[in-house]
Amino acid sequence: LMGTASGTQTMAVNIANTQLDTIDSHGSVLVGHAHDRKGADLWIDVN
């Protein structure tokens, strides 16, 4: 189980989901600001 129980694939799945959650959260209507204001933004997410 050196390869399996070390979680190489499991952790890749979990980390990828975290990043997709972050993208969805940034673009969601729940963030409080709509994406209709012309211009650039800079953002950071720490988890």
All heavy atoms as atom14 arrays in JSON, in Angstrom:
{
  "sequence": "LMGTASGTQTMAVNIANTQLDTIDSHGSVLVGHAHDRKGADLWIDVN",
  "atom14_mask": [
    [1, 1, 1, 1, 1, 1, 1, 1, 0, 0, 0, 0, 0, 0],
    [1, 1, 1, 1, 1, 1, 1, 1, 0, 0, 0, 0, 0, 0],
    [1, 1, 1, 1, 0, 0, 0, 0, 0, 0, 0, 0, 0, 0],
    [1, 1, 1, 1, 1, 1, 1, 0, 0, 0, 0, 0, 0, 0],
    [1, 1, 1, 1, 1, 0, 0, 0, 0, 0, 0, 0, 0, 0],
    [1, 1, 1, 1, 1, 1, 0, 0, 0, 0, 0, 0, 0, 0],
    [1, 1, 1, 1, 0, 0, 0, 0, 0, 0, 0, 0, 0, 0],
    [1, 1, 1, 1, 1, 1, 1, 0, 0, 0, 0, 0, 0, 0],
    [1, 1, 1, 1, 1, 1, 1, 1, 1, 0, 0, 0, 0, 0],
    [1, 1, 1, 1, 1, 1, 1, 0, 0, 0, 0, 0, 0, 0],
    [1, 1, 1, 1, 1, 1, 1, 1, 0, 0, 0, 0, 0, 0],
    [1, 1, 1, 1, 1, 0, 0, 0, 0, 0, 0, 0, 0, 0],
    [1, 1, 1, 1, 1, 1, 1, 0, 0, 0, 0, 0, 0, 0],
    [1, 1, 1, 1, 1, 1, 1, 1, 0, 0, 0, 0, 0, 0],
    [1, 1, 1, 1, 1, 1, 1, 1, 0, 0, 0, 0, 0, 0],
    [1, 1, 1, 1, 1, 0, 0, 0, 0, 0, 0, 0, 0, 0],
    [1, 1, 1, 1, 1, 1, 1, 1, 0, 0, 0, 0, 0, 0],
    [1, 1, 1, 1, 1, 1, 1, 0, 0, 0, 0, 0, 0, 0],
    [1, 1, 1, 1, 1, 1, 1, 1, 1, 0, 0, 0, 0, 0],
    [1, 1, 1, 1, 1, 1, 1, 1, 0, 0, 0, 0, 0, 0],
    [1, 1, 1, 1, 1, 1, 1, 1, 0, 0, 0, 0, 0, 0],
    [1, 1, 1, 1, 1, 1, 1, 0, 0, 0, 0, 0, 0, 0],
    [1, 1, 1, 1, 1, 1, 1, 1, 0, 0, 0, 0, 0, 0],
    [1, 1, 1, 1, 1, 1, 1, 1, 0, 0, 0, 0, 0, 0],
    [1, 1, 1, 1, 1, 1, 0, 0, 0, 0, 0, 0, 0, 0],
    [1, 1, 1, 1, 1, 1, 1, 1, 1, 1, 0, 0, 0, 0],
    [1, 1, 1, 1, 0, 0, 0, 0, 0, 0, 0, 0, 0, 0],
    [1, 1, 1, 1, 1, 1, 0, 0, 0, 0, 0, 0, 0, 0],
    [1, 1, 1, 1, 1, 1, 1, 0, 0, 0, 0, 0, 0, 0],
    [1, 1, 1, 1, 1, 1, 1, 1, 0, 0, 0, 0, 0, 0],
    [1, 1, 1, 1, 1, 1, 1, 0, 0, 0, 0, 0, 0, 0],
    [1, 1, 1, 1, 0, 0, 0, 0, 0, 0, 0, 0, 0, 0],
    [1, 1, 1, 1, 1, 1, 1, 1, 1, 1, 0, 0, 0, 0],
    [1, 1, 1, 1, 1, 0, 0, 0, 0, 0, 0, 0, 0, 0],
    [1, 1, 1, 1, 1, 1, 1, 1, 1, 1, 0, 0, 0, 0],
    [1, 1, 1, 1, 1, 1, 1, 1, 0, 0, 0, 0, 0, 0],
    [1, 1, 1, 1, 1, 1, 1, 1, 1, 1, 1, 0, 0, 0],
    [1, 1, 1, 1, 1, 1, 1, 1, 1, 0, 0, 0, 0, 0],
    [1, 1, 1, 1, 0, 0, 0, 0, 0, 0, 0, 0, 0, 0],
    [1, 1, 1, 1, 1, 0, 0, 0, 0, 0, 0, 0, 0, 0],
    [1, 1, 1, 1, 1, 1, 1, 1, 0, 0, 0, 0, 0, 0],
    [1, 1, 1, 1, 1, 1, 1, 1, 0, 0, 0, 0, 0, 0],
    [1, 1, 1, 1, 1, 1, 1, 1, 1, 1, 1, 1, 1, 1],
    [1, 1, 1, 1, 1, 1, 1, 1, 0, 0, 0, 0, 0, 0],
    [1, 1, 1, 1, 1, 1, 1, 1, 0, 0, 0, 0, 0, 0],
    [1, 1, 1, 1, 1, 1, 1, 0, 0, 0, 0, 0, 0, 0],
    [1, 1, 1, 1, 1, 1, 1, 1, 0, 0, 0, 0, 0, 0]
  ],
  "atom14_positions": [
    [[0.8, -1.23, 0.0], [0.0, 0.0, 0.0], [0.83, 1.28, 0.0], [0.3, 2.36, 0.22], [-0.93, 0.01, 1.21], [-2.04, -1.04, 1.22], [-2.88, -0.93, 2.48], [-2.92, -0.9, -0.01], [0.0, 0.0, 0.0], [0.0, 0.0, 0.0], [0.0, 0.0, 0.0], [0.0, 0.0, 0.0], [0.0, 0.0, 0.0], [0.0, 0.0, 0.0]],
    [[2.12, 1.16, -0.28], [2.96, 2.36, -0.26], [2.45, 3.41, -1.24], [2.48, 4.62, -0.95], [4.41, 2.0, -0.6], [5.37, 3.16, -0.46], [7.1, 2.64, -0.65], [7.96, 4.19, -0.32], [0.0, 0.0, 0.0], [0.0, 0.0, 0.0], [0.0, 0.0, 0.0], [0.0, 0.0, 0.0], [0.0, 0.0, 0.0], [0.0, 0.0, 0.0]],
    [[1.97, 2.98, -2.39], [1.43, 3.93, -3.35], [0.0, 4.33, -3.03], [-0.38, 5.5, -3.14], [0.0, 0.0, 0.0], [0.0, 0.0, 0.0], [0.0, 0.0, 0.0], [0.0, 0.0, 0.0], [0.0, 0.0, 0.0], [0.0, 0.0, 0.0], [0.0, 0.0, 0.0], [0.0, 0.0, 0.0], [0.0, 0.0, 0.0], [0.0, 0.0, 0.0]],
    [[-0.81, 3.36, -2.6], [-2.24, 3.6, -2.39], [-2.5, 4.43, -1.13], [-3.16, 5.47, -1.18], [-2.99, 2.26, -2.28], [-2.78, 1.52, -3.47], [-4.46, 2.49, -2.05], [0.0, 0.0, 0.0], [0.0, 0.0, 0.0], [0.0, 0.0, 0.0], [0.0, 0.0, 0.0], [0.0, 0.0, 0.0], [0.0, 0.0, 0.0], [0.0, 0.0, 0.0]],
    [[-2.02, 3.95, 0.02], [-2.32, 4.61, 1.3], [-1.56, 5.91, 1.49], [-1.84, 6.64, 2.44], [-2.02, 3.66, 2.46], [0.0, 0.0, 0.0], [0.0, 0.0, 0.0], [0.0, 0.0, 0.0], [0.0, 0.0, 0.0], [0.0, 0.0, 0.0], [0.0, 0.0, 0.0], [0.0, 0.0, 0.0], [0.0, 0.0, 0.0], [0.0, 0.0, 0.0]],
    [[-0.63, 6.22, 0.59], [0.02, 7.53, 0.64], [-0.88, 8.61, 0.05], [-0.56, 9.8, 0.15], [1.35, 7.49, -0.12], [1.14, 7.18, -1.48], [0.0, 0.0, 0.0], [0.0, 0.0, 0.0], [0.0, 0.0, 0.0], [0.0, 0.0, 0.0], [0.0, 0.0, 0.0], [0.0, 0.0, 0.0], [0.0, 0.0, 0.0], [0.0, 0.0, 0.0]],
    [[-1.99, 8.19, -0.58], [-2.99, 9.15, -1.03], [-2.6, 9.99, -2.21], [-3.12, 11.09, -2.38], [0.0, 0.0, 0.0], [0.0, 0.0, 0.0], [0.0, 0.0, 0.0], [0.0, 0.0, 0.0], [0.0, 0.0, 0.0], [0.0, 0.0, 0.0], [0.0, 0.0, 0.0], [0.0, 0.0, 0.0], [0.0, 0.0, 0.0], [0.0, 0.0, 0.0]],
    [[-1.72, 9.5, -3.06], [-1.27, 10.32, -4.19], [-2.44, 10.72, -5.09], [-2.57, 11.88, -5.5], [-0.21, 9.58, -5.02], [-0.71, 8.28, -5.38], [1.07, 9.41, -4.21], [0.0, 0.0, 0.0], [0.0, 0.0, 0.0], [0.0, 0.0, 0.0], [0.0, 0.0, 0.0], [0.0, 0.0, 0.0], [0.0, 0.0, 0.0], [0.0, 0.0, 0.0]],
    [[-3.32, 9.77, -5.42], [-4.47, 10.09, -6.26], [-5.59, 10.75, -5.45], [-6.25, 11.68, -5.92], [-4.97, 8.82, -6.95], [-4.04, 8.34, -8.06], [-4.54, 7.07, -8.71], [-4.75, 6.06, -8.05], [-4.72, 7.11, -10.01], [0.0, 0.0, 0.0], [0.0, 0.0, 0.0], [0.0, 0.0, 0.0], [0.0, 0.0, 0.0], [0.0, 0.0, 0.0]],
    [[-5.81, 10.26, -4.24], [-6.86, 10.84, -3.4], [-6.6, 12.33, -3.16], [-7.52, 13.16, -3.26], [-6.93, 10.1, -2.06], [-7.33, 8.76, -2.31], [-7.92, 10.76, -1.11], [0.0, 0.0, 0.0], [0.0, 0.0, 0.0], [0.0, 0.0, 0.0], [0.0, 0.0, 0.0], [0.0, 0.0, 0.0], [0.0, 0.0, 0.0], [0.0, 0.0, 0.0]],
    [[-5.36, 12.67, -2.84], [-5.06, 14.07, -2.57], [-5.13, 14.92, -3.82], [-5.53, 16.09, -3.77], [-3.67, 14.18, -1.93], [-3.59, 13.55, -0.53], [-4.85, 14.21, 0.59], [-4.33, 15.91, 0.7], [0.0, 0.0, 0.0], [0.0, 0.0, 0.0], [0.0, 0.0, 0.0], [0.0, 0.0, 0.0], [0.0, 0.0, 0.0], [0.0, 0.0, 0.0]],
    [[-4.77, 14.36, -4.98], [-4.92, 15.11, -6.22], [-6.39, 15.44, -6.48], [-6.73, 16.56, -6.89], [-4.34, 14.3, -7.38], [0.0, 0.0, 0.0], [0.0, 0.0, 0.0], [0.0, 0.0, 0.0], [0.0, 0.0, 0.0], [0.0, 0.0, 0.0], [0.0, 0.0, 0.0], [0.0, 0.0, 0.0], [0.0, 0.0, 0.0], [0.0, 0.0, 0.0]],
    [[-7.28, 14.47, -6.21], [-8.72, 14.71, -6.37], [-9.19, 15.78, -5.4], [-9.9, 16.72, -5.78], [-9.5, 13.4, -6.16], [-11.0, 13.67, -6.1], [-9.2, 12.41, -7.27], [0.0, 0.0, 0.0], [0.0, 0.0, 0.0], [0.0, 0.0, 0.0], [0.0, 0.0, 0.0], [0.0, 0.0, 0.0], [0.0, 0.0, 0.0], [0.0, 0.0, 0.0]],
    [[-8.8, 15.67, -4.13], [-9.25, 16.63, -3.12], [-8.76, 18.04, -3.4], [-9.51, 19.02, -3.26], [-8.79, 16.18, -1.74], [-9.45, 14.89, -1.28], [-10.34, 14.37, -1.94], [-9.02, 14.37, -0.14], [0.0, 0.0, 0.0], [0.0, 0.0, 0.0], [0.0, 0.0, 0.0], [0.0, 0.0, 0.0], [0.0, 0.0, 0.0], [0.0, 0.0, 0.0]],
    [[-7.49, 18.17, -3.77], [-6.92, 19.5, -4.03], [-7.55, 20.11, -5.27], [-7.84, 21.32, -5.31], [-5.39, 19.41, -4.16], [-4.77, 19.03, -2.8], [-4.8, 20.73, -4.64], [-3.3, 18.66, -2.87], [0.0, 0.0, 0.0], [0.0, 0.0, 0.0], [0.0, 0.0, 0.0], [0.0, 0.0, 0.0], [0.0, 0.0, 0.0], [0.0, 0.0, 0.0]],
    [[-7.77, 19.29, -6.31], [-8.43, 19.8, -7.51], [-9.83, 20.31, -7.2], [-10.27, 21.34, -7.73], [-8.48, 18.71, -8.58], [0.0, 0.0, 0.0], [0.0, 0.0, 0.0], [0.0, 0.0, 0.0], [0.0, 0.0, 0.0], [0.0, 0.0, 0.0], [0.0, 0.0, 0.0], [0.0, 0.0, 0.0], [0.0, 0.0, 0.0], [0.0, 0.0, 0.0]],
    [[-10.55, 19.59, -6.34], [-11.89, 20.06, -5.95], [-11.83, 21.38, -5.2], [-12.7, 22.24, -5.37], [-12.57, 19.0, -5.09], [-13.32, 17.97, -5.94], [-13.7, 18.25, -7.06], [-13.51, 16.79, -5.4], [0.0, 0.0, 0.0], [0.0, 0.0, 0.0], [0.0, 0.0, 0.0], [0.0, 0.0, 0.0], [0.0, 0.0, 0.0], [0.0, 0.0, 0.0]],
    [[-10.83, 21.52, -4.34], [-10.67, 22.79, -3.62], [-10.48, 23.94, -4.59], [-11.06, 25.02, -4.42], [-9.47, 22.7, -2.65], [-9.73, 21.69, -1.67], [-9.24, 24.03, -1.95], [0.0, 0.0, 0.0], [0.0, 0.0, 0.0], [0.0, 0.0, 0.0], [0.0, 0.0, 0.0], [0.0, 0.0, 0.0], [0.0, 0.0, 0.0], [0.0, 0.0, 0.0]],
    [[-9.65, 23.73, -5.61], [-9.43, 24.81, -6.56], [-10.68, 25.13, -7.37], [-11.0, 26.29, -7.61], [-8.27, 24.45, -7.49], [-7.9, 25.54, -8.48], [-7.55, 26.86, -7.8], [-7.25, 26.9, -6.6], [-7.61, 27.96, -8.54], [0.0, 0.0, 0.0], [0.0, 0.0, 0.0], [0.0, 0.0, 0.0], [0.0, 0.0, 0.0], [0.0, 0.0, 0.0]],
    [[-11.43, 24.1, -7.77], [-12.67, 24.34, -8.49], [-13.69, 25.06, -7.6], [-14.44, 25.93, -8.07], [-13.25, 23.03, -9.01], [-12.46, 22.38, -10.16], [-13.0, 20.98, -10.45], [-12.51, 23.24, -11.42], [0.0, 0.0, 0.0], [0.0, 0.0, 0.0], [0.0, 0.0, 0.0], [0.0, 0.0, 0.0], [0.0, 0.0, 0.0], [0.0, 0.0, 0.0]],
    [[-13.73, 24.68, -6.31], [-14.6, 25.4, -5.37], [-14.22, 26.87, -5.28], [-15.09, 27.76, -5.19], [-14.51, 24.77, -3.98], [-15.2, 23.41, -3.9], [-16.04, 23.12, -4.77], [-14.89, 22.66, -2.96], [0.0, 0.0, 0.0], [0.0, 0.0, 0.0], [0.0, 0.0, 0.0], [0.0, 0.0, 0.0], [0.0, 0.0, 0.0], [0.0, 0.0, 0.0]],
    [[-12.92, 27.13, -5.27], [-12.45, 28.51, -5.18], [-12.88, 29.33, -6.4], [-13.33, 30.48, -6.27], [-10.91, 28.52, -5.06], [-10.53, 27.84, -3.86], [-10.37, 29.94, -5.02], [0.0, 0.0, 0.0], [0.0, 0.0, 0.0], [0.0, 0.0, 0.0], [0.0, 0.0, 0.0], [0.0, 0.0, 0.0], [0.0, 0.0, 0.0], [0.0, 0.0, 0.0]],
    [[-12.76, 28.74, -7.59], [-13.19, 29.44, -8.81], [-14.7, 29.7, -8.78], [-15.17, 30.8, -9.07], [-12.81, 28.63, -10.05], [-11.29, 28.46, -10.14], [-13.36, 29.29, -11.3], [-10.52, 29.73, -10.34], [0.0, 0.0, 0.0], [0.0, 0.0, 0.0], [0.0, 0.0, 0.0], [0.0, 0.0, 0.0], [0.0, 0.0, 0.0], [0.0, 0.0, 0.0]],
    [[-15.46, 28.66, -8.41], [-16.92, 28.83, -8.35], [-17.32, 29.9, -7.34], [-18.24, 30.69, -7.57], [-17.58, 27.5, -7.97], [-17.59, 26.5, -9.12], [-17.26, 26.89, -10.25], [-17.89, 25.32, -8.87], [0.0, 0.0, 0.0], [0.0, 0.0, 0.0], [0.0, 0.0, 0.0], [0.0, 0.0, 0.0], [0.0, 0.0, 0.0], [0.0, 0.0, 0.0]],
    [[-16.63, 29.91, -6.2], [-16.93, 30.89, -5.17], [-16.64, 32.31, -5.65], [-17.39, 33.26, -5.37], [-16.12, 30.59, -3.91], [-16.3, 31.57, -2.92], [0.0, 0.0, 0.0], [0.0, 0.0, 0.0], [0.0, 0.0, 0.0], [0.0, 0.0, 0.0], [0.0, 0.0, 0.0], [0.0, 0.0, 0.0], [0.0, 0.0, 0.0], [0.0, 0.0, 0.0]],
    [[-15.55, 32.47, -6.4], [-15.2, 33.81, -6.88], [-16.22, 34.32, -7.9], [-16.53, 35.52, -7.93], [-13.81, 33.79, -7.52], [-13.41, 35.1, -8.12], [-13.11, 36.21, -7.36], [-13.28, 35.49, -9.42], [-12.8, 37.22, -8.15], [-12.9, 36.81, -9.41], [0.0, 0.0, 0.0], [0.0, 0.0, 0.0], [0.0, 0.0, 0.0], [0.0, 0.0, 0.0]],
    [[-16.75, 33.42, -8.73], [-17.67, 33.86, -9.76], [-19.13, 33.85, -9.36], [-19.99, 34.29, -10.13], [0.0, 0.0, 0.0], [0.0, 0.0, 0.0], [0.0, 0.0, 0.0], [0.0, 0.0, 0.0], [0.0, 0.0, 0.0], [0.0, 0.0, 0.0], [0.0, 0.0, 0.0], [0.0, 0.0, 0.0], [0.0, 0.0, 0.0], [0.0, 0.0, 0.0]],
    [[-19.44, 33.37, -8.15], [-20.84, 33.19, -7.74], [-21.52, 34.52, -7.43], [-20.88, 35.51, -7.04], [-20.89, 32.28, -6.51], [-22.2, 32.18, -6.01], [0.0, 0.0, 0.0], [0.0, 0.0, 0.0], [0.0, 0.0, 0.0], [0.0, 0.0, 0.0], [0.0, 0.0, 0.0], [0.0, 0.0, 0.0], [0.0, 0.0, 0.0], [0.0, 0.0, 0.0]],
    [[-22.84, 34.52, -7.53], [-23.64, 35.68, -7.13], [-23.6, 35.88, -5.62], [-23.99, 36.95, -5.12], [-25.1, 35.54, -7.6], [-25.18, 35.52, -9.11], [-25.75, 34.29, -7.0], [0.0, 0.0, 0.0], [0.0, 0.0, 0.0], [0.0, 0.0, 0.0], [0.0, 0.0, 0.0], [0.0, 0.0, 0.0], [0.0, 0.0, 0.0], [0.0, 0.0, 0.0]],
    [[-23.14, 34.88, -4.88], [-23.1, 34.99, -3.42], [-21.98, 35.9, -2.94], [-21.96, 36.27, -1.76], [-22.92, 33.6, -2.79], [-24.04, 32.59, -3.06], [-23.67, 31.23, -2.47], [-25.36, 33.08, -2.46], [0.0, 0.0, 0.0], [0.0, 0.0, 0.0], [0.0, 0.0, 0.0], [0.0, 0.0, 0.0], [0.0, 0.0, 0.0], [0.0, 0.0, 0.0]],
    [[-21.03, 36.25, -3.82], [-19.9, 37.06, -3.36], [-20.32, 38.49, -3.03], [-19.6, 39.2, -2.33], [-18.76, 37.08, -4.4], [-18.18, 35.7, -4.58], [-19.22, 37.66, -5.72], [0.0, 0.0, 0.0], [0.0, 0.0, 0.0], [0.0, 0.0, 0.0], [0.0, 0.0, 0.0], [0.0, 0.0, 0.0], [0.0, 0.0, 0.0], [0.0, 0.0, 0.0]],
    [[-21.44, 38.93, -3.57], [-21.9, 40.27, -3.22], [-21.67, 41.31, -4.27], [-22.25, 42.39, -4.23], [0.0, 0.0, 0.0], [0.0, 0.0, 0.0], [0.0, 0.0, 0.0], [0.0, 0.0, 0.0], [0.0, 0.0, 0.0], [0.0, 0.0, 0.0], [0.0, 0.0, 0.0], [0.0, 0.0, 0.0], [0.0, 0.0, 0.0], [0.0, 0.0, 0.0]],
    [[-20.79, 41.02, -5.26], [-20.6, 41.98, -6.34], [-20.82, 41.27, -7.67], [-20.4, 40.14, -7.88], [-19.2, 42.61, -6.3], [-18.09, 41.63, -6.53], [-17.5, 40.94, -5.5], [-17.49, 41.21, -7.68], [-16.56, 40.15, -6.0], [-16.53, 40.29, -7.31], [0.0, 0.0, 0.0], [0.0, 0.0, 0.0], [0.0, 0.0, 0.0], [0.0, 0.0, 0.0]],
    [[-21.52, 41.94, -8.59], [-21.77, 41.36, -9.9], [-20.59, 41.64, -10.82], [-19.78, 42.55, -10.58], [-23.05, 41.96, -10.48], [0.0, 0.0, 0.0], [0.0, 0.0, 0.0], [0.0, 0.0, 0.0], [0.0, 0.0, 0.0], [0.0, 0.0, 0.0], [0.0, 0.0, 0.0], [0.0, 0.0, 0.0], [0.0, 0.0, 0.0], [0.0, 0.0, 0.0]],
    [[-20.5, 40.81, -11.88], [-19.39, 40.98, -12.82], [-19.81, 41.83, -14.01], [-19.53, 41.53, -15.16], [-18.91, 39.6, -13.29], [-18.27, 38.79, -12.21], [-16.93, 38.88, -11.89], [-18.8, 37.9, -11.34], [-16.65, 38.06, -10.89], [-17.77, 37.45, -10.53], [0.0, 0.0, 0.0], [0.0, 0.0, 0.0], [0.0, 0.0, 0.0], [0.0, 0.0, 0.0]],
    [[-20.52, 42.92, -13.71], [-20.97, 43.82, -14.78], [-20.25, 45.16, -14.77], [-20.54, 46.03, -15.58], [-22.48, 44.04, -14.67], [-22.9, 44.56, -13.28], [-21.99, 44.8, -12.45], [-24.11, 44.69, -13.04], [0.0, 0.0, 0.0], [0.0, 0.0, 0.0], [0.0, 0.0, 0.0], [0.0, 0.0, 0.0], [0.0, 0.0, 0.0], [0.0, 0.0, 0.0]],
    [[-19.32, 45.32, -13.87], [-18.54, 46.56, -13.8], [-17.28, 46.38, -14.65], [-16.45, 45.53, -14.36], [-18.18, 46.85, -12.35], [-17.26, 48.05, -12.16], [-17.02, 48.26, -10.69], [-15.92, 49.18, -10.45], [-15.48, 49.5, -9.23], [-16.06, 48.99, -8.16], [-14.48, 50.35, -9.08], [0.0, 0.0, 0.0], [0.0, 0.0, 0.0], [0.0, 0.0, 0.0]],
    [[-17.15, 47.15, -15.69], [-16.05, 46.99, -16.62], [-14.72, 47.3, -15.94], [-14.58, 48.27, -15.21], [-16.24, 47.9, -17.83], [-15.22, 47.67, -18.95], [-15.54, 48.51, -20.16], [-14.55, 48.24, -21.28], [-14.86, 49.04, -22.5], [0.0, 0.0, 0.0], [0.0, 0.0, 0.0], [0.0, 0.0, 0.0], [0.0, 0.0, 0.0], [0.0, 0.0, 0.0]],
    [[-13.74, 46.43, -16.17], [-12.42, 46.63, -15.59], [-11.84, 45.35, -15.05], [-12.45, 44.28, -15.1], [0.0, 0.0, 0.0], [0.0, 0.0, 0.0], [0.0, 0.0, 0.0], [0.0, 0.0, 0.0], [0.0, 0.0, 0.0], [0.0, 0.0, 0.0], [0.0, 0.0, 0.0], [0.0, 0.0, 0.0], [0.0, 0.0, 0.0], [0.0, 0.0, 0.0]],
    [[-10.64, 45.48, -14.52], [-9.91, 44.31, -14.01], [-10.11, 44.17, -12.51], [-10.51, 45.11, -11.82], [-8.42, 44.45, -14.32], [0.0, 0.0, 0.0], [0.0, 0.0, 0.0], [0.0, 0.0, 0.0], [0.0, 0.0, 0.0], [0.0, 0.0, 0.0], [0.0, 0.0, 0.0], [0.0, 0.0, 0.0], [0.0, 0.0, 0.0], [0.0, 0.0, 0.0]],
    [[-9.85, 42.95, -12.02], [-9.83, 42.73, -10.58], [-8.62, 41.87, -10.23], [-8.02, 41.19, -11.08], [-11.12, 42.08, -10.09], [-11.3, 40.64, -10.56], [-10.48, 40.16, -11.36], [-12.25, 39.97, -10.12], [0.0, 0.0, 0.0], [0.0, 0.0, 0.0], [0.0, 0.0, 0.0], [0.0, 0.0, 0.0], [0.0, 0.0, 0.0], [0.0, 0.0, 0.0]],
    [[-8.25, 41.96, -9.0], [-7.16, 41.14, -8.44], [-7.69, 40.52, -7.16], [-8.25, 41.22, -6.31], [-5.92, 42.01, -8.15], [-4.7, 41.28, -7.57], [-4.14, 40.29, -8.58], [-3.62, 42.3, -7.18], [0.0, 0.0, 0.0], [0.0, 0.0, 0.0], [0.0, 0.0, 0.0], [0.0, 0.0, 0.0], [0.0, 0.0, 0.0], [0.0, 0.0, 0.0]],
    [[-7.51, 39.21, -7.0], [-8.09, 38.56, -5.84], [-7.18, 37.47, -5.3], [-6.3, 36.96, -6.0], [-9.48, 38.0, -6.16], [-9.53, 37.01, -7.3], [-9.61, 37.29, -8.63], [-9.52, 35.58, -7.19], [-9.66, 36.15, -9.38], [-9.61, 35.08, -8.52], [-9.46, 34.69, -6.14], [-9.61, 33.71, -8.8], [-9.47, 33.33, -6.4], [-9.55, 32.84, -7.71]],
    [[-7.41, 37.15, -4.04], [-6.61, 36.15, -3.35], [-7.52, 35.32, -2.44], [-8.47, 35.85, -1.85], [-5.47, 36.81, -2.54], [-4.55, 35.73, -1.92], [-6.01, 37.74, -1.48], [-3.29, 36.34, -1.31], [0.0, 0.0, 0.0], [0.0, 0.0, 0.0], [0.0, 0.0, 0.0], [0.0, 0.0, 0.0], [0.0, 0.0, 0.0], [0.0, 0.0, 0.0]],
    [[-7.24, 34.04, -2.37], [-8.01, 33.12, -1.54], [-7.02, 32.27, -0.75], [-6.11, 31.67, -1.34], [-8.9, 32.23, -2.42], [-9.74, 31.25, -1.63], [-9.17, 30.29, -1.06], [-10.96, 31.41, -1.6], [0.0, 0.0, 0.0], [0.0, 0.0, 0.0], [0.0, 0.0, 0.0], [0.0, 0.0, 0.0], [0.0, 0.0, 0.0], [0.0, 0.0, 0.0]],
    [[-7.17, 32.23, 0.56], [-6.3, 31.43, 1.43], [-7.16, 30.4, 2.14], [-8.21, 30.74, 2.71], [-5.56, 32.31, 2.45], [-4.67, 31.45, 3.35], [-4.74, 33.38, 1.74], [0.0, 0.0, 0.0], [0.0, 0.0, 0.0], [0.0, 0.0, 0.0], [0.0, 0.0, 0.0], [0.0, 0.0, 0.0], [0.0, 0.0, 0.0], [0.0, 0.0, 0.0]],
    [[-6.76, 29.13, 2.1], [-7.58, 28.09, 2.71], [-6.73, 27.07, 3.45], [-5.55, 26.86, 3.14], [-8.44, 27.39, 1.64], [-7.59, 26.69, 0.61], [-7.04, 25.62, 0.86], [-7.46, 27.29, -0.58], [0.0, 0.0, 0.0], [0.0, 0.0, 0.0], [0.0, 0.0, 0.0], [0.0, 0.0, 0.0], [0.0, 0.0, 0.0], [0.0, 0.0, 0.0]]
  ]
}
